[in-house]
Amino acid sequence: MKIVAIVGSPRPRGNTNYLVDQALAEADKLGVETEKIDLTPYVVNPCQGHDNCATQTECLQKDDAPWILEKFRQADGVILATPVYYYNMTAQMKAFVDRNYFLYKHDIGIEAKVAGLIIVAGGEGMGQTDRAMRRFLAFYIENDRISTVIGLANRLGEMKTNASAIEEARKLGRLMASQLTQATPAPSTGSSQ
């Protein structure tokens, strides 16, 4: 079992990354392998909307999106995390979401059965961001298998003192780990009666 978190925050030590680390640490404690991919250091270009996308064997763009999409696609559980910039997800996260167009045009699904959203905002835009990211995940995962954590923060590092958001992020990690381990059939003993 593996959970992959895709993080669209430009701050590697910011509030969003902090909450993601809390969630992943809890899942890891419960025996679920975890990986965090922070989009900022990688090149994920915007989708170019090629008319012939469906006829291509691979995306025509040569950047980091294909390997990130493959990790996203193969994960048993996924977390998408973003701060709110101008009432919605960051440009980094939007570019990742849009690059899923290649998977869509090739009718390629993902393995994930559960998902989490981590959204950090200073005020407004949380609802819009949640709706937009849920709409994207709804292509792959049933809505009742998507959980959202929202943290309020106005300054860098502020999340470290937000006990409520920290606990919600930790609960998300535990919930996703539990959902994944319960969904896995018990191994066969090889004996029959």
N, C-alpha and C. Protein backbone atom coordinates (compact mmCIF):
# COMPACT_ATOMS: atom_id res chain seq x y z
N MET A 1 0.84 -1.18 0.00
CA MET A 1 0.00 0.00 0.00
C MET A 1 0.88 1.24 0.00
N LYS A 2 0.51 2.20 -0.83
CA LYS A 2 1.30 3.43 -0.91
C LYS A 2 0.39 4.63 -1.10
N ILE A 3 0.70 5.69 -0.36
CA ILE A 3 0.04 6.99 -0.52
C ILE A 3 1.06 7.95 -1.12
N VAL A 4 0.68 8.60 -2.19
CA VAL A 4 1.53 9.63 -2.81
C VAL A 4 0.85 10.98 -2.63
N ALA A 5 1.60 11.92 -2.09
CA ALA A 5 1.10 13.29 -1.92
C ALA A 5 1.73 14.17 -2.99
N ILE A 6 0.90 14.91 -3.68
CA ILE A 6 1.35 15.89 -4.68
C ILE A 6 1.10 17.26 -4.06
N VAL A 7 2.16 18.05 -3.92
CA VAL A 7 2.07 19.33 -3.22
C VAL A 7 2.31 20.48 -4.19
N GLY A 8 1.36 21.40 -4.25
CA GLY A 8 1.44 22.54 -5.15
C GLY A 8 1.85 23.83 -4.48
N SER A 9 2.53 23.75 -3.35
CA SER A 9 2.98 24.96 -2.67
C SER A 9 4.38 25.35 -3.13
N PRO A 10 4.61 26.64 -3.38
CA PRO A 10 5.97 27.06 -3.75
C PRO A 10 6.91 27.16 -2.55
N ARG A 11 6.40 26.91 -1.34
CA ARG A 11 7.22 27.00 -0.13
C ARG A 11 7.47 25.60 0.43
N PRO A 12 8.68 25.06 0.24
CA PRO A 12 8.96 23.71 0.71
C PRO A 12 8.85 23.55 2.23
N ARG A 13 9.02 24.63 2.98
CA ARG A 13 8.90 24.56 4.43
C ARG A 13 7.72 25.40 4.92
N GLY A 14 6.69 25.49 4.06
CA GLY A 14 5.53 26.30 4.39
C GLY A 14 4.45 25.52 5.11
N ASN A 15 3.34 26.18 5.32
CA ASN A 15 2.23 25.63 6.08
C ASN A 15 1.60 24.40 5.41
N THR A 16 1.46 24.44 4.10
CA THR A 16 0.85 23.32 3.38
C THR A 16 1.72 22.08 3.49
N ASN A 17 3.00 22.23 3.24
CA ASN A 17 3.92 21.10 3.36
C ASN A 17 3.94 20.55 4.78
N TYR A 18 3.83 21.43 5.76
CA TYR A 18 3.83 20.98 7.15
C TYR A 18 2.64 20.05 7.42
N LEU A 19 1.46 20.43 6.96
CA LEU A 19 0.28 19.58 7.17
C LEU A 19 0.40 18.26 6.40
N VAL A 20 0.94 18.32 5.21
CA VAL A 20 1.14 17.08 4.43
C VAL A 20 2.07 16.14 5.20
N ASP A 21 3.14 16.69 5.75
CA ASP A 21 4.08 15.86 6.52
C ASP A 21 3.39 15.20 7.71
N GLN A 22 2.47 15.91 8.35
CA GLN A 22 1.73 15.35 9.48
C GLN A 22 0.88 14.16 9.04
N ALA A 23 0.17 14.33 7.94
CA ALA A 23 -0.69 13.26 7.43
C ALA A 23 0.13 12.04 7.02
N LEU A 24 1.21 12.27 6.30
CA LEU A 24 2.03 11.15 5.83
C LEU A 24 2.70 10.42 6.98
N ALA A 25 3.12 11.15 8.00
CA ALA A 25 3.77 10.52 9.16
C ALA A 25 2.81 9.55 9.85
N GLU A 26 1.54 9.94 9.96
CA GLU A 26 0.55 9.06 10.59
C GLU A 26 0.30 7.81 9.76
N ALA A 27 0.19 7.98 8.44
CA ALA A 27 -0.02 6.82 7.57
C ALA A 27 1.18 5.89 7.64
N ASP A 28 2.36 6.47 7.68
CA ASP A 28 3.59 5.69 7.77
C ASP A 28 3.63 4.88 9.06
N LYS A 29 3.20 5.47 10.17
CA LYS A 29 3.16 4.76 11.46
C LYS A 29 2.27 3.53 11.39
N LEU A 30 1.27 3.58 10.52
CA LEU A 30 0.33 2.47 10.39
C LEU A 30 0.74 1.48 9.30
N GLY A 31 1.97 1.62 8.83
CA GLY A 31 2.51 0.64 7.89
C GLY A 31 2.26 0.90 6.43
N VAL A 32 1.77 2.09 6.09
CA VAL A 32 1.53 2.43 4.69
C VAL A 32 2.74 3.21 4.18
N GLU A 33 3.29 2.77 3.07
CA GLU A 33 4.41 3.48 2.45
C GLU A 33 3.92 4.84 1.95
N THR A 34 4.74 5.86 2.08
CA THR A 34 4.34 7.21 1.65
C THR A 34 5.44 7.85 0.81
N GLU A 35 5.01 8.77 -0.03
CA GLU A 35 5.95 9.57 -0.83
C GLU A 35 5.33 10.94 -1.05
N LYS A 36 6.16 11.97 -0.92
CA LYS A 36 5.70 13.33 -1.17
C LYS A 36 6.45 13.88 -2.39
N ILE A 37 5.68 14.41 -3.32
CA ILE A 37 6.26 15.06 -4.50
C ILE A 37 5.87 16.52 -4.46
N ASP A 38 6.84 17.36 -4.19
CA ASP A 38 6.65 18.81 -4.18
C ASP A 38 6.86 19.28 -5.61
N LEU A 39 5.84 19.82 -6.24
CA LEU A 39 5.90 20.17 -7.66
C LEU A 39 6.88 21.30 -7.97
N THR A 40 7.13 22.18 -7.03
CA THR A 40 7.89 23.40 -7.31
C THR A 40 9.26 23.18 -7.94
N PRO A 41 10.09 22.25 -7.47
CA PRO A 41 11.41 22.12 -8.09
C PRO A 41 11.39 21.44 -9.46
N TYR A 42 10.25 20.93 -9.88
CA TYR A 42 10.17 20.22 -11.15
C TYR A 42 9.52 21.09 -12.22
N VAL A 43 9.73 20.68 -13.46
CA VAL A 43 9.13 21.39 -14.59
C VAL A 43 7.86 20.65 -14.99
N VAL A 44 6.73 21.28 -14.71
CA VAL A 44 5.43 20.76 -15.14
C VAL A 44 4.78 21.88 -15.93
N ASN A 45 4.97 21.82 -17.23
CA ASN A 45 4.44 22.87 -18.11
C ASN A 45 2.92 22.78 -18.21
N PRO A 46 2.27 23.89 -18.53
CA PRO A 46 0.82 23.85 -18.75
C PRO A 46 0.48 22.95 -19.93
N CYS A 47 -0.69 22.35 -19.89
CA CYS A 47 -1.17 21.55 -21.01
C CYS A 47 -1.27 22.44 -22.25
N GLN A 48 -0.85 21.91 -23.38
CA GLN A 48 -0.90 22.66 -24.63
C GLN A 48 -2.16 22.37 -25.44
N GLY A 49 -2.99 21.44 -24.97
CA GLY A 49 -4.25 21.15 -25.65
C GLY A 49 -4.08 20.67 -27.06
N HIS A 50 -3.08 19.82 -27.29
CA HIS A 50 -2.86 19.32 -28.65
C HIS A 50 -4.09 18.60 -29.18
N ASP A 51 -4.52 18.96 -30.38
CA ASP A 51 -5.69 18.32 -30.99
C ASP A 51 -5.49 16.83 -31.19
N ASN A 52 -4.25 16.42 -31.39
CA ASN A 52 -3.96 15.01 -31.66
C ASN A 52 -3.47 14.27 -30.42
N CYS A 53 -3.77 14.77 -29.25
CA CYS A 53 -3.31 14.15 -28.00
C CYS A 53 -3.66 12.66 -27.94
N ALA A 54 -4.88 12.32 -28.28
CA ALA A 54 -5.34 10.93 -28.17
C ALA A 54 -4.61 9.98 -29.10
N THR A 55 -3.96 10.50 -30.13
CA THR A 55 -3.24 9.63 -31.07
C THR A 55 -1.76 9.48 -30.71
N GLN A 56 -1.30 10.23 -29.73
CA GLN A 56 0.11 10.18 -29.33
C GLN A 56 0.35 9.05 -28.32
N THR A 57 1.50 8.41 -28.41
CA THR A 57 1.83 7.36 -27.44
C THR A 57 2.40 7.94 -26.16
N GLU A 58 2.85 9.18 -26.22
CA GLU A 58 3.32 9.89 -25.02
C GLU A 58 3.08 11.37 -25.23
N CYS A 59 3.04 12.09 -24.12
CA CYS A 59 2.83 13.53 -24.21
C CYS A 59 3.96 14.16 -25.03
N LEU A 60 3.60 15.10 -25.88
CA LEU A 60 4.60 15.75 -26.73
C LEU A 60 5.54 16.66 -25.95
N GLN A 61 5.13 17.07 -24.75
CA GLN A 61 5.99 17.92 -23.94
C GLN A 61 7.05 17.08 -23.23
N LYS A 62 8.24 17.59 -23.18
CA LYS A 62 9.34 16.89 -22.53
C LYS A 62 9.67 17.61 -21.23
N ASP A 63 8.99 17.20 -20.18
CA ASP A 63 9.21 17.79 -18.87
C ASP A 63 9.03 16.72 -17.81
N ASP A 64 8.83 17.09 -16.56
CA ASP A 64 8.72 16.12 -15.47
C ASP A 64 7.31 15.56 -15.28
N ALA A 65 6.33 16.08 -15.97
CA ALA A 65 4.94 15.65 -15.75
C ALA A 65 4.73 14.15 -15.96
N PRO A 66 5.29 13.51 -16.99
CA PRO A 66 4.99 12.09 -17.19
C PRO A 66 5.36 11.19 -16.00
N TRP A 67 6.53 11.38 -15.41
CA TRP A 67 6.90 10.50 -14.29
C TRP A 67 6.08 10.83 -13.04
N ILE A 68 5.72 12.10 -12.86
CA ILE A 68 4.88 12.47 -11.72
C ILE A 68 3.49 11.87 -11.90
N LEU A 69 2.95 11.97 -13.09
CA LEU A 69 1.64 11.37 -13.38
C LEU A 69 1.67 9.85 -13.17
N GLU A 70 2.77 9.22 -13.52
CA GLU A 70 2.86 7.77 -13.34
C GLU A 70 2.85 7.40 -11.86
N LYS A 71 3.55 8.16 -11.04
CA LYS A 71 3.52 7.91 -9.58
C LYS A 71 2.12 8.15 -9.03
N PHE A 72 1.48 9.21 -9.49
CA PHE A 72 0.10 9.53 -9.09
C PHE A 72 -0.83 8.39 -9.52
N ARG A 73 -0.67 7.92 -10.72
CA ARG A 73 -1.51 6.88 -11.29
C ARG A 73 -1.38 5.55 -10.56
N GLN A 74 -0.19 5.22 -10.10
CA GLN A 74 0.06 3.92 -9.48
C GLN A 74 -0.20 3.89 -7.98
N ALA A 75 -0.41 5.03 -7.35
CA ALA A 75 -0.60 5.08 -5.90
C ALA A 75 -1.93 4.44 -5.51
N ASP A 76 -1.95 3.84 -4.32
CA ASP A 76 -3.18 3.27 -3.78
C ASP A 76 -4.06 4.35 -3.16
N GLY A 77 -3.42 5.41 -2.68
CA GLY A 77 -4.12 6.57 -2.13
C GLY A 77 -3.36 7.82 -2.53
N VAL A 78 -4.06 8.92 -2.73
CA VAL A 78 -3.39 10.16 -3.13
C VAL A 78 -3.85 11.31 -2.24
N ILE A 79 -2.91 12.21 -2.01
CA ILE A 79 -3.21 13.48 -1.34
C ILE A 79 -2.81 14.59 -2.29
N LEU A 80 -3.71 15.52 -2.53
CA LEU A 80 -3.39 16.73 -3.28
C LEU A 80 -3.43 17.88 -2.28
N ALA A 81 -2.38 18.68 -2.27
CA ALA A 81 -2.29 19.74 -1.27
C ALA A 81 -1.88 21.05 -1.94
N THR A 82 -2.55 22.12 -1.53
CA THR A 82 -2.26 23.43 -2.11
C THR A 82 -2.65 24.54 -1.14
N PRO A 83 -1.87 25.61 -1.13
CA PRO A 83 -2.40 26.82 -0.50
C PRO A 83 -3.39 27.46 -1.47
N VAL A 84 -4.18 28.40 -0.97
CA VAL A 84 -5.13 29.11 -1.81
C VAL A 84 -4.47 30.41 -2.27
N TYR A 85 -4.38 30.56 -3.59
CA TYR A 85 -3.86 31.79 -4.19
C TYR A 85 -4.97 32.35 -5.08
N TYR A 86 -5.40 33.54 -4.82
CA TYR A 86 -6.46 34.18 -5.59
C TYR A 86 -7.68 33.27 -5.72
N TYR A 87 -8.14 32.77 -4.58
CA TYR A 87 -9.39 32.03 -4.46
C TYR A 87 -9.39 30.65 -5.10
N ASN A 88 -8.21 30.08 -5.36
CA ASN A 88 -8.18 28.73 -5.91
C ASN A 88 -6.79 28.13 -5.73
N MET A 89 -6.59 26.94 -6.32
CA MET A 89 -5.32 26.24 -6.21
C MET A 89 -4.21 27.05 -6.88
N THR A 90 -2.98 26.75 -6.51
CA THR A 90 -1.84 27.45 -7.08
C THR A 90 -1.65 27.07 -8.55
N ALA A 91 -0.84 27.84 -9.24
CA ALA A 91 -0.51 27.55 -10.64
C ALA A 91 0.19 26.20 -10.76
N GLN A 92 1.03 25.86 -9.79
CA GLN A 92 1.73 24.58 -9.82
C GLN A 92 0.74 23.42 -9.80
N MET A 93 -0.25 23.50 -8.90
CA MET A 93 -1.24 22.43 -8.82
C MET A 93 -2.13 22.41 -10.05
N LYS A 94 -2.51 23.58 -10.54
CA LYS A 94 -3.38 23.63 -11.73
C LYS A 94 -2.68 23.03 -12.95
N ALA A 95 -1.38 23.29 -13.09
CA ALA A 95 -0.65 22.70 -14.21
C ALA A 95 -0.65 21.18 -14.10
N PHE A 96 -0.45 20.65 -12.88
CA PHE A 96 -0.50 19.20 -12.68
C PHE A 96 -1.88 18.65 -13.04
N VAL A 97 -2.93 19.29 -12.54
CA VAL A 97 -4.29 18.85 -12.82
C VAL A 97 -4.54 18.84 -14.33
N ASP A 98 -4.17 19.91 -15.00
CA ASP A 98 -4.41 20.00 -16.44
C ASP A 98 -3.62 18.96 -17.23
N ARG A 99 -2.44 18.60 -16.74
CA ARG A 99 -1.64 17.61 -17.47
C ARG A 99 -2.23 16.21 -17.38
N ASN A 100 -3.21 16.02 -16.52
CA ASN A 100 -3.94 14.75 -16.48
C ASN A 100 -4.78 14.56 -17.74
N TYR A 101 -4.86 15.59 -18.55
CA TYR A 101 -5.61 15.51 -19.80
C TYR A 101 -5.10 14.35 -20.67
N PHE A 102 -3.79 14.11 -20.63
CA PHE A 102 -3.23 13.00 -21.41
C PHE A 102 -3.83 11.68 -20.93
N LEU A 103 -3.92 11.48 -19.61
CA LEU A 103 -4.52 10.24 -19.08
C LEU A 103 -5.98 10.15 -19.52
N TYR A 104 -6.69 11.27 -19.40
CA TYR A 104 -8.11 11.31 -19.78
C TYR A 104 -8.30 10.95 -21.25
N LYS A 105 -7.50 11.54 -22.12
CA LYS A 105 -7.65 11.31 -23.57
C LYS A 105 -7.28 9.87 -23.96
N HIS A 106 -6.53 9.19 -23.10
CA HIS A 106 -6.14 7.81 -23.37
C HIS A 106 -6.91 6.81 -22.51
N ASP A 107 -7.94 7.32 -21.83
CA ASP A 107 -8.79 6.48 -20.98
C ASP A 107 -7.96 5.67 -19.98
N ILE A 108 -6.99 6.34 -19.37
CA ILE A 108 -6.13 5.72 -18.37
C ILE A 108 -6.59 6.17 -16.99
N GLY A 109 -6.99 5.24 -16.18
CA GLY A 109 -7.43 5.55 -14.82
C GLY A 109 -6.27 5.53 -13.85
N ILE A 110 -6.58 5.71 -12.58
CA ILE A 110 -5.57 5.62 -11.54
C ILE A 110 -5.95 4.49 -10.60
N GLU A 111 -4.98 4.02 -9.84
CA GLU A 111 -5.19 2.90 -8.92
C GLU A 111 -5.84 3.33 -7.61
N ALA A 112 -5.71 4.60 -7.26
CA ALA A 112 -6.14 5.09 -5.94
C ALA A 112 -7.62 4.81 -5.68
N LYS A 113 -7.87 4.36 -4.48
CA LYS A 113 -9.24 4.12 -4.02
C LYS A 113 -9.68 5.17 -3.01
N VAL A 114 -8.72 5.90 -2.45
CA VAL A 114 -9.03 6.95 -1.48
C VAL A 114 -8.16 8.16 -1.79
N ALA A 115 -8.66 9.33 -1.36
CA ALA A 115 -7.91 10.56 -1.60
C ALA A 115 -8.13 11.54 -0.47
N GLY A 116 -7.15 12.41 -0.31
CA GLY A 116 -7.24 13.48 0.66
C GLY A 116 -6.88 14.79 0.00
N LEU A 117 -7.52 15.85 0.45
CA LEU A 117 -7.19 17.19 0.01
C LEU A 117 -6.72 17.98 1.23
N ILE A 118 -5.62 18.67 1.10
CA ILE A 118 -5.15 19.56 2.15
C ILE A 118 -5.07 20.95 1.55
N ILE A 119 -5.85 21.85 2.13
CA ILE A 119 -5.97 23.22 1.62
C ILE A 119 -5.65 24.18 2.74
N VAL A 120 -4.74 25.10 2.48
CA VAL A 120 -4.38 26.10 3.47
C VAL A 120 -4.69 27.48 2.90
N ALA A 121 -5.43 28.27 3.69
CA ALA A 121 -5.84 29.60 3.22
C ALA A 121 -5.74 30.61 4.34
N GLY A 122 -5.62 31.84 3.96
CA GLY A 122 -5.61 32.93 4.93
C GLY A 122 -7.01 33.45 5.20
N GLY A 123 -7.96 33.08 4.36
CA GLY A 123 -9.32 33.58 4.53
C GLY A 123 -10.24 32.92 3.53
N GLU A 124 -10.57 33.64 2.47
CA GLU A 124 -11.54 33.14 1.49
C GLU A 124 -10.90 32.23 0.45
N GLY A 125 -11.77 31.54 -0.28
CA GLY A 125 -11.31 30.71 -1.39
C GLY A 125 -11.19 29.23 -1.07
N MET A 126 -11.41 28.88 0.19
CA MET A 126 -11.27 27.46 0.56
C MET A 126 -12.33 26.61 -0.12
N GLY A 127 -13.57 27.08 -0.13
CA GLY A 127 -14.66 26.32 -0.74
C GLY A 127 -14.46 26.14 -2.23
N GLN A 128 -14.06 27.22 -2.91
CA GLN A 128 -13.84 27.12 -4.35
C GLN A 128 -12.71 26.14 -4.66
N THR A 129 -11.66 26.19 -3.86
CA THR A 129 -10.53 25.30 -4.08
C THR A 129 -10.93 23.85 -3.85
N ASP A 130 -11.66 23.61 -2.77
CA ASP A 130 -12.14 22.26 -2.47
C ASP A 130 -13.00 21.73 -3.62
N ARG A 131 -13.93 22.54 -4.09
CA ARG A 131 -14.82 22.10 -5.18
C ARG A 131 -14.03 21.80 -6.46
N ALA A 132 -13.09 22.66 -6.80
CA ALA A 132 -12.32 22.46 -8.03
C ALA A 132 -11.48 21.18 -7.96
N MET A 133 -10.86 20.94 -6.82
CA MET A 133 -10.01 19.76 -6.70
C MET A 133 -10.86 18.48 -6.61
N ARG A 134 -12.01 18.56 -5.97
CA ARG A 134 -12.92 17.40 -5.93
C ARG A 134 -13.45 17.07 -7.32
N ARG A 135 -13.76 18.10 -8.10
CA ARG A 135 -14.24 17.85 -9.47
C ARG A 135 -13.19 17.09 -10.26
N PHE A 136 -11.93 17.48 -10.09
CA PHE A 136 -10.86 16.77 -10.78
C PHE A 136 -10.77 15.32 -10.31
N LEU A 137 -10.73 15.11 -9.00
CA LEU A 137 -10.60 13.74 -8.48
C LEU A 137 -11.81 12.88 -8.79
N ALA A 138 -12.97 13.49 -9.00
CA ALA A 138 -14.19 12.74 -9.29
C ALA A 138 -14.08 11.95 -10.59
N PHE A 139 -13.14 12.30 -11.46
CA PHE A 139 -12.91 11.49 -12.66
C PHE A 139 -12.40 10.11 -12.27
N TYR A 140 -11.78 10.01 -11.10
CA TYR A 140 -11.10 8.78 -10.71
C TYR A 140 -11.68 8.09 -9.46
N ILE A 141 -12.15 8.88 -8.49
CA ILE A 141 -12.47 8.36 -7.16
C ILE A 141 -13.86 8.82 -6.75
N GLU A 142 -14.60 7.93 -6.10
CA GLU A 142 -15.93 8.29 -5.61
C GLU A 142 -15.82 9.40 -4.56
N ASN A 143 -16.75 10.35 -4.62
CA ASN A 143 -16.71 11.52 -3.75
C ASN A 143 -16.66 11.18 -2.27
N ASP A 144 -17.34 10.11 -1.86
CA ASP A 144 -17.35 9.76 -0.43
C ASP A 144 -16.04 9.13 0.02
N ARG A 145 -15.10 8.95 -0.90
CA ARG A 145 -13.76 8.43 -0.57
C ARG A 145 -12.71 9.55 -0.63
N ILE A 146 -13.19 10.80 -0.67
CA ILE A 146 -12.30 11.97 -0.69
C ILE A 146 -12.55 12.76 0.58
N SER A 147 -11.50 13.00 1.36
CA SER A 147 -11.61 13.77 2.60
C SER A 147 -10.80 15.06 2.48
N THR A 148 -11.30 16.11 3.09
CA THR A 148 -10.63 17.41 3.00
C THR A 148 -10.22 17.91 4.38
N VAL A 149 -9.02 18.46 4.45
CA VAL A 149 -8.53 19.16 5.64
C VAL A 149 -8.26 20.60 5.22
N ILE A 150 -8.81 21.53 5.97
CA ILE A 150 -8.59 22.95 5.69
C ILE A 150 -7.89 23.58 6.89
N GLY A 151 -6.79 24.26 6.61
CA GLY A 151 -6.06 24.97 7.66
C GLY A 151 -6.04 26.46 7.37
N LEU A 152 -6.23 27.25 8.40
CA LEU A 152 -6.16 28.71 8.26
C LEU A 152 -4.81 29.20 8.73
N ALA A 153 -4.15 29.97 7.88
CA ALA A 153 -2.85 30.55 8.23
C ALA A 153 -2.60 31.78 7.38
N ASN A 154 -2.05 32.81 8.01
CA ASN A 154 -1.72 34.04 7.29
C ASN A 154 -0.23 34.27 7.17
N ARG A 155 0.55 33.57 8.00
CA ARG A 155 2.00 33.79 7.98
C ARG A 155 2.75 32.46 7.89
N LEU A 156 3.91 32.50 7.32
CA LEU A 156 4.78 31.34 7.21
C LEU A 156 5.05 30.77 8.60
N GLY A 157 4.87 29.48 8.75
CA GLY A 157 5.13 28.81 10.02
C GLY A 157 3.98 28.81 11.00
N GLU A 158 2.93 29.54 10.68
CA GLU A 158 1.79 29.67 11.59
C GLU A 158 1.09 28.32 11.85
N MET A 159 1.14 27.42 10.88
CA MET A 159 0.44 26.15 11.02
C MET A 159 1.01 25.30 12.15
N LYS A 160 2.26 25.51 12.49
CA LYS A 160 2.89 24.71 13.55
C LYS A 160 2.25 24.93 14.91
N THR A 161 1.48 25.99 15.05
CA THR A 161 0.80 26.25 16.33
C THR A 161 -0.71 26.05 16.22
N ASN A 162 -1.17 25.56 15.08
CA ASN A 162 -2.60 25.33 14.87
C ASN A 162 -2.92 23.87 15.21
N ALA A 163 -3.16 23.62 16.50
CA ALA A 163 -3.37 22.25 16.98
C ALA A 163 -4.53 21.56 16.28
N SER A 164 -5.59 22.30 16.01
CA SER A 164 -6.77 21.72 15.37
C SER A 164 -6.44 21.22 13.96
N ALA A 165 -5.78 22.04 13.15
CA ALA A 165 -5.43 21.65 11.78
C ALA A 165 -4.42 20.50 11.78
N ILE A 166 -3.49 20.54 12.71
CA ILE A 166 -2.50 19.46 12.81
C ILE A 166 -3.21 18.14 13.09
N GLU A 167 -4.14 18.15 14.04
CA GLU A 167 -4.86 16.92 14.38
C GLU A 167 -5.73 16.46 13.21
N GLU A 168 -6.33 17.39 12.49
CA GLU A 168 -7.13 17.01 11.32
C GLU A 168 -6.26 16.36 10.24
N ALA A 169 -5.07 16.90 10.03
CA ALA A 169 -4.16 16.31 9.05
C ALA A 169 -3.72 14.92 9.50
N ARG A 170 -3.43 14.77 10.77
CA ARG A 170 -3.05 13.46 11.29
C ARG A 170 -4.21 12.46 11.15
N LYS A 171 -5.42 12.93 11.43
CA LYS A 171 -6.60 12.06 11.27
C LYS A 171 -6.76 11.63 9.81
N LEU A 172 -6.47 12.54 8.89
CA LEU A 172 -6.55 12.21 7.47
C LEU A 172 -5.59 11.07 7.15
N GLY A 173 -4.36 11.17 7.63
CA GLY A 173 -3.39 10.11 7.40
C GLY A 173 -3.84 8.77 7.96
N ARG A 174 -4.39 8.81 9.19
CA ARG A 174 -4.88 7.58 9.81
C ARG A 174 -6.08 7.01 9.05
N LEU A 175 -7.00 7.89 8.65
CA LEU A 175 -8.19 7.46 7.92
C LEU A 175 -7.81 6.80 6.60
N MET A 176 -6.94 7.45 5.85
CA MET A 176 -6.55 6.89 4.55
C MET A 176 -5.84 5.55 4.73
N ALA A 177 -4.96 5.46 5.72
CA ALA A 177 -4.27 4.19 5.97
C ALA A 177 -5.27 3.11 6.33
N SER A 178 -6.23 3.45 7.18
CA SER A 178 -7.26 2.49 7.59
C SER A 178 -8.10 2.05 6.39
N GLN A 179 -8.51 3.01 5.57
CA GLN A 179 -9.31 2.67 4.39
C GLN A 179 -8.55 1.75 3.44
N LEU A 180 -7.26 2.01 3.30
CA LEU A 180 -6.46 1.19 2.38
C LEU A 180 -6.23 -0.21 2.93
N THR A 181 -5.94 -0.31 4.21
CA THR A 181 -5.67 -1.64 4.77
C THR A 181 -6.94 -2.46 4.87
N GLN A 182 -8.08 -1.82 5.09
CA GLN A 182 -9.35 -2.55 5.14
C GLN A 182 -9.78 -2.99 3.74
N ALA A 183 -9.38 -2.24 2.73
CA ALA A 183 -9.78 -2.58 1.36
C ALA A 183 -8.94 -3.70 0.78
N THR A 184 -7.80 -4.01 1.44
CA THR A 184 -6.92 -5.04 0.95
C THR A 184 -7.39 -6.40 1.44
N PRO A 185 -7.63 -7.34 0.53
CA PRO A 185 -8.06 -8.66 0.99
C PRO A 185 -6.95 -9.35 1.77
N ALA A 186 -7.35 -10.13 2.75
CA ALA A 186 -6.37 -10.88 3.54
C ALA A 186 -5.67 -11.89 2.65
N PRO A 187 -4.35 -12.10 2.87
CA PRO A 187 -3.64 -13.06 2.03
C PRO A 187 -4.18 -14.48 2.26
N SER A 188 -4.19 -15.23 1.20
CA SER A 188 -4.68 -16.60 1.27
C SER A 188 -3.67 -17.46 2.01
N THR A 189 -4.16 -18.37 2.84
CA THR A 189 -3.26 -19.27 3.58
C THR A 189 -2.86 -20.47 2.75
N GLY A 190 -3.54 -20.65 1.64
CA GLY A 190 -3.19 -21.77 0.77
C GLY A 190 -3.85 -23.08 1.17
N SER A 191 -4.56 -23.09 2.29
CA SER A 191 -5.20 -24.34 2.71
C SER A 191 -6.69 -24.29 2.38
N SER A 192 -7.28 -25.39 2.14
CA SER A 192 -8.71 -25.44 1.89
C SER A 192 -9.34 -26.46 2.82
N GLN A 193 -10.60 -26.28 3.10
CA GLN A 193 -11.28 -27.19 4.02
C GLN A 193 -12.27 -28.05 3.31
